[in-house]
Amino acid sequence: MASSLVHLAIIEELTKEHKFKDIGRLKFGAVLPDAGERNIGHLKITVPPTDMRTYDFEGFRNRYGSLLMTDDLYLGYYLHLVQDLCYRHFVYDRYHWNPMIPGNVEKLHNDYAITNHYVVEKYNLKNDLAVPEDFAEEKINEICRFDLLWLTRSINSYFREAGEGEIFFFTKEMTDEFIAEAVDACHKELNALKTGIGMINGSENGWVPTYTASK
């Protein structure tokens, strides 16, 4: 899926047009799924009776509906899933990414490392992610175990380190293209959440798991 800094860049863009209660909790929620157990943290499910896969948007809304509307940590988590759905269609359907070719996943991660500095500069990102106090008491922990030490170390490294070599697949231009599209999708979902009409339907946005995507 998209890099954590890209998720933070999308949040930064959203703050220009939407008012949020707690930007710190929003940012934390927006990267938290990446610290969860594989697939579980991202709420990936199979759409019965098919073999299609999707994100369980409905399940998240049913479980955390009131918190989704009042607590930006839960809203950030939900928006991460919206962004990941956009990313999946962006790289698999439009750009025909194939992670099953040996070495492709590692090369993609290096692309992220190369473009991280660009994302930080262009979208004015600050390395200010903080784990909320008493996070262990948050209901979000019902989903799975989250490796917060890994998350904070990873975010710090993304701000400090730079990849080496040439871009393999995910260029700076693709980064900007995806961020713009994900911001638009999040705008639509935020407005839909306010009205209760037109929210993302997981089943209608599923995919056939031709490839096994990396975390």
Protein backbone atom coordinates (compact mmCIF):
# COMPACT_ATOMS: atom_id res chain seq x y z
CA MET A 1 0.00 0.00 0.00
CA ALA A 2 0.99 3.65 -0.03
CA SER A 3 3.82 4.81 2.20
CA SER A 4 3.04 6.29 5.61
CA LEU A 5 4.33 9.70 4.51
CA VAL A 6 1.95 9.68 1.56
CA HIS A 7 -0.92 8.98 3.98
CA LEU A 8 0.24 11.94 6.08
CA ALA A 9 0.48 14.14 2.97
CA ILE A 10 -3.13 13.32 2.11
CA ILE A 11 -4.19 14.28 5.63
CA GLU A 12 -2.22 17.54 5.33
CA GLU A 13 -4.10 18.37 2.13
CA LEU A 14 -7.46 17.53 3.71
CA THR A 15 -6.86 19.97 6.56
CA LYS A 16 -6.91 22.80 4.01
CA GLU A 17 -10.62 22.28 3.35
CA HIS A 18 -11.98 20.42 6.37
CA LYS A 19 -12.02 21.26 10.05
CA PHE A 20 -10.92 18.50 12.40
CA LYS A 21 -11.08 18.35 16.18
CA ASP A 22 -7.61 16.94 16.88
CA ILE A 23 -5.03 16.88 14.07
CA GLY A 24 -2.59 14.87 16.18
CA ARG A 25 -5.07 12.05 16.70
CA LEU A 26 -6.11 12.28 13.04
CA LYS A 27 -2.52 11.81 11.86
CA PHE A 28 -1.93 8.94 14.25
CA GLY A 29 -5.08 7.19 13.10
CA ALA A 30 -4.12 7.73 9.48
CA VAL A 31 -0.96 5.62 9.80
CA LEU A 32 -2.07 3.19 12.53
CA PRO A 33 -3.37 0.41 10.20
CA ASP A 34 0.17 -0.12 8.93
CA ALA A 35 1.22 -1.08 12.47
CA GLY A 36 -1.47 -3.76 12.72
CA GLU A 37 -1.27 -7.45 12.01
CA ARG A 38 -1.17 -8.23 8.30
CA ASN A 39 -4.59 -7.93 6.63
CA ILE A 40 -6.36 -7.79 10.03
CA GLY A 41 -5.27 -4.22 10.71
CA HIS A 42 -6.48 -3.22 7.26
CA LEU A 43 -9.82 -5.00 7.76
CA LYS A 44 -9.48 -7.05 4.59
CA ILE A 45 -12.35 -9.49 4.13
CA THR A 46 -13.74 -11.84 1.49
CA VAL A 47 -17.03 -10.84 -0.13
CA PRO A 48 -19.44 -13.81 0.14
CA PRO A 49 -20.27 -15.85 -1.84
CA THR A 50 -17.45 -14.75 -4.17
CA ASP A 51 -13.67 -14.92 -3.79
CA MET A 52 -13.39 -11.15 -4.12
CA ARG A 53 -11.52 -9.19 -1.45
CA THR A 54 -12.32 -5.77 -0.05
CA TYR A 55 -11.96 -3.54 2.99
CA ASP A 56 -14.68 -3.87 5.61
CA PHE A 57 -15.93 -0.28 5.54
CA GLU A 58 -19.38 -1.29 6.68
CA GLY A 59 -18.01 -3.30 9.59
CA PHE A 60 -15.87 -0.39 10.74
CA ARG A 61 -18.79 2.03 10.52
CA ASN A 62 -21.06 -0.36 12.41
CA ARG A 63 -18.51 -0.93 15.17
CA TYR A 64 -17.15 2.60 15.56
CA GLY A 65 -19.89 4.77 14.07
CA SER A 66 -20.24 7.18 16.99
CA LEU A 67 -16.48 7.46 17.47
CA LEU A 68 -16.00 7.92 13.74
CA MET A 69 -18.04 11.10 13.97
CA THR A 70 -16.51 12.43 17.19
CA ASP A 71 -12.93 11.17 17.47
CA ASP A 72 -10.34 11.97 14.81
CA LEU A 73 -8.21 8.91 15.61
CA TYR A 74 -11.02 6.68 14.36
CA LEU A 75 -11.72 8.98 11.44
CA GLY A 76 -8.04 8.90 10.46
CA TYR A 77 -8.04 5.10 10.61
CA TYR A 78 -11.10 4.97 8.36
CA LEU A 79 -9.62 7.44 5.88
CA HIS A 80 -6.50 5.28 5.67
CA LEU A 81 -8.70 2.46 4.37
CA VAL A 82 -10.32 4.82 1.85
CA GLN A 83 -6.86 5.82 0.65
CA ASP A 84 -5.69 2.22 0.41
CA LEU A 85 -8.69 1.33 -1.73
CA CYS A 86 -7.74 4.20 -4.05
CA TYR A 87 -4.13 3.04 -4.08
CA ARG A 88 -5.05 -0.53 -4.97
CA HIS A 89 -7.05 0.54 -8.01
CA PHE A 90 -4.38 3.12 -8.88
CA VAL A 91 -1.38 0.80 -9.01
CA TYR A 92 -3.03 -2.51 -9.95
CA ASP A 93 -5.73 -1.44 -12.39
CA ARG A 94 -4.22 1.66 -13.94
CA TYR A 95 -0.49 0.97 -13.76
CA HIS A 96 -0.64 -2.86 -13.70
CA TRP A 97 1.71 -3.34 -10.76
CA ASN A 98 2.75 -6.98 -10.21
CA PRO A 99 4.30 -7.71 -6.80
CA MET A 100 4.77 -11.38 -7.64
CA ILE A 101 7.81 -10.71 -9.85
CA PRO A 102 10.85 -11.39 -7.65
CA GLY A 103 12.41 -8.17 -6.38
CA ASN A 104 9.50 -5.91 -7.31
CA VAL A 105 8.30 -5.33 -3.75
CA GLU A 106 11.78 -4.41 -2.54
CA LYS A 107 12.23 -2.05 -5.49
CA LEU A 108 8.88 -0.41 -4.77
CA HIS A 109 9.88 0.18 -1.16
CA ASN A 110 13.06 1.82 -2.39
CA ASP A 111 10.93 4.06 -4.61
CA TYR A 112 9.09 5.13 -1.48
CA ALA A 113 12.39 5.88 0.24
CA ILE A 114 13.56 7.95 -2.73
CA THR A 115 10.32 9.96 -2.94
CA ASN A 116 9.88 10.46 0.81
CA HIS A 117 12.04 13.58 0.90
CA TYR A 118 10.09 15.00 -2.04
CA VAL A 119 6.79 14.32 -0.25
CA VAL A 120 8.04 15.91 2.99
CA GLU A 121 9.13 19.08 1.20
CA LYS A 122 6.21 19.49 -1.18
CA TYR A 123 3.45 18.77 1.35
CA ASN A 124 5.16 20.52 4.27
CA LEU A 125 5.17 17.48 6.54
CA LYS A 126 6.42 17.63 10.12
CA ASN A 127 7.81 14.70 12.06
CA ASP A 128 5.42 15.22 14.95
CA LEU A 129 3.54 11.92 15.17
CA ALA A 130 2.73 11.08 18.78
CA VAL A 131 1.16 8.03 20.36
CA PRO A 132 -1.94 9.19 22.30
CA GLU A 133 -1.87 8.83 26.05
CA ASP A 134 -3.62 5.72 27.33
CA PHE A 135 -3.70 4.27 23.82
CA ALA A 136 -3.90 0.79 25.34
CA GLU A 137 -7.42 1.69 26.51
CA GLU A 138 -8.66 2.70 23.05
CA LYS A 139 -11.46 0.59 21.57
CA ILE A 140 -9.52 0.44 18.29
CA ASN A 141 -7.36 -2.22 19.92
CA GLU A 142 -10.29 -4.62 19.47
CA ILE A 143 -9.21 -4.94 15.84
CA CYS A 144 -5.78 -6.43 16.47
CA ARG A 145 -2.46 -5.88 18.19
CA PHE A 146 -0.60 -2.78 16.97
CA ASP A 147 3.20 -2.57 17.00
CA LEU A 148 3.59 1.05 18.05
CA LEU A 149 7.34 0.81 18.56
CA TRP A 150 7.74 -0.35 14.96
CA LEU A 151 5.43 2.44 13.79
CA THR A 152 7.24 5.29 15.52
CA ARG A 153 10.67 4.00 14.51
CA SER A 154 9.54 3.58 10.93
CA ILE A 155 8.07 7.08 10.69
CA ASN A 156 11.27 8.56 12.11
CA SER A 157 13.37 6.64 9.60
CA TYR A 158 11.18 7.76 6.70
CA PHE A 159 11.86 11.39 7.58
CA ARG A 160 15.62 10.83 7.98
CA GLU A 161 16.65 8.29 5.38
CA ALA A 162 16.80 8.53 1.59
CA GLY A 163 16.67 5.74 -0.95
CA GLU A 164 19.46 5.13 -3.41
CA GLY A 165 19.50 4.63 -7.16
CA GLU A 166 16.90 5.35 -9.81
CA ILE A 167 13.12 5.28 -9.52
CA PHE A 168 11.87 1.85 -10.55
CA PHE A 169 8.08 2.24 -10.69
CA PHE A 170 6.43 4.76 -8.36
CA THR A 171 7.62 8.13 -9.64
CA LYS A 172 7.19 11.57 -8.11
CA GLU A 173 4.59 12.33 -10.75
CA MET A 174 2.65 9.20 -9.80
CA THR A 175 2.92 10.20 -6.16
CA ASP A 176 1.30 13.57 -6.84
CA GLU A 177 -1.33 11.98 -9.08
CA PHE A 178 -2.29 9.47 -6.41
CA ILE A 179 -2.36 12.02 -3.59
CA ALA A 180 -4.69 14.26 -5.59
CA GLU A 181 -7.05 11.37 -6.33
CA ALA A 182 -6.99 10.11 -2.74
CA VAL A 183 -7.70 13.59 -1.41
CA ASP A 184 -10.70 13.82 -3.71
CA ALA A 185 -11.96 10.40 -2.59
CA CYS A 186 -11.57 11.40 1.06
CA HIS A 187 -13.40 14.68 0.43
CA LYS A 188 -16.33 12.71 -0.97
CA GLU A 189 -16.33 10.23 1.90
CA LEU A 190 -16.13 12.96 4.54
CA ASN A 191 -19.13 14.68 2.99
CA ALA A 192 -20.98 11.35 2.74
CA LEU A 193 -20.30 10.63 6.40
CA LYS A 194 -21.94 13.93 7.32
CA THR A 195 -25.10 13.19 5.38
CA GLY A 196 -25.17 9.41 5.75
CA ILE A 197 -25.70 9.11 1.99
CA GLY A 198 -23.34 7.69 -0.62
CA MET A 199 -20.71 6.17 1.66
CA ILE A 200 -18.23 3.68 0.21
CA ASN A 201 -19.65 0.21 -0.31
CA GLY A 202 -16.98 -2.43 0.25
CA SER A 203 -18.64 -5.11 -1.87
CA GLU A 204 -18.98 -2.79 -4.85
CA ASN A 205 -15.31 -1.88 -4.64
CA GLY A 206 -13.83 -5.35 -4.23
CA TRP A 207 -11.13 -6.96 -6.31
CA VAL A 208 -10.16 -10.43 -7.45
CA PRO A 209 -6.93 -11.35 -5.63
CA THR A 210 -4.89 -12.15 -8.71
CA TYR A 211 -1.80 -10.98 -6.87
CA THR A 212 -0.91 -11.27 -3.22
CA ALA A 213 -0.11 -7.70 -2.21
CA SER A 214 2.55 -6.85 0.36
CA LYS A 215 1.70 -5.13 3.63
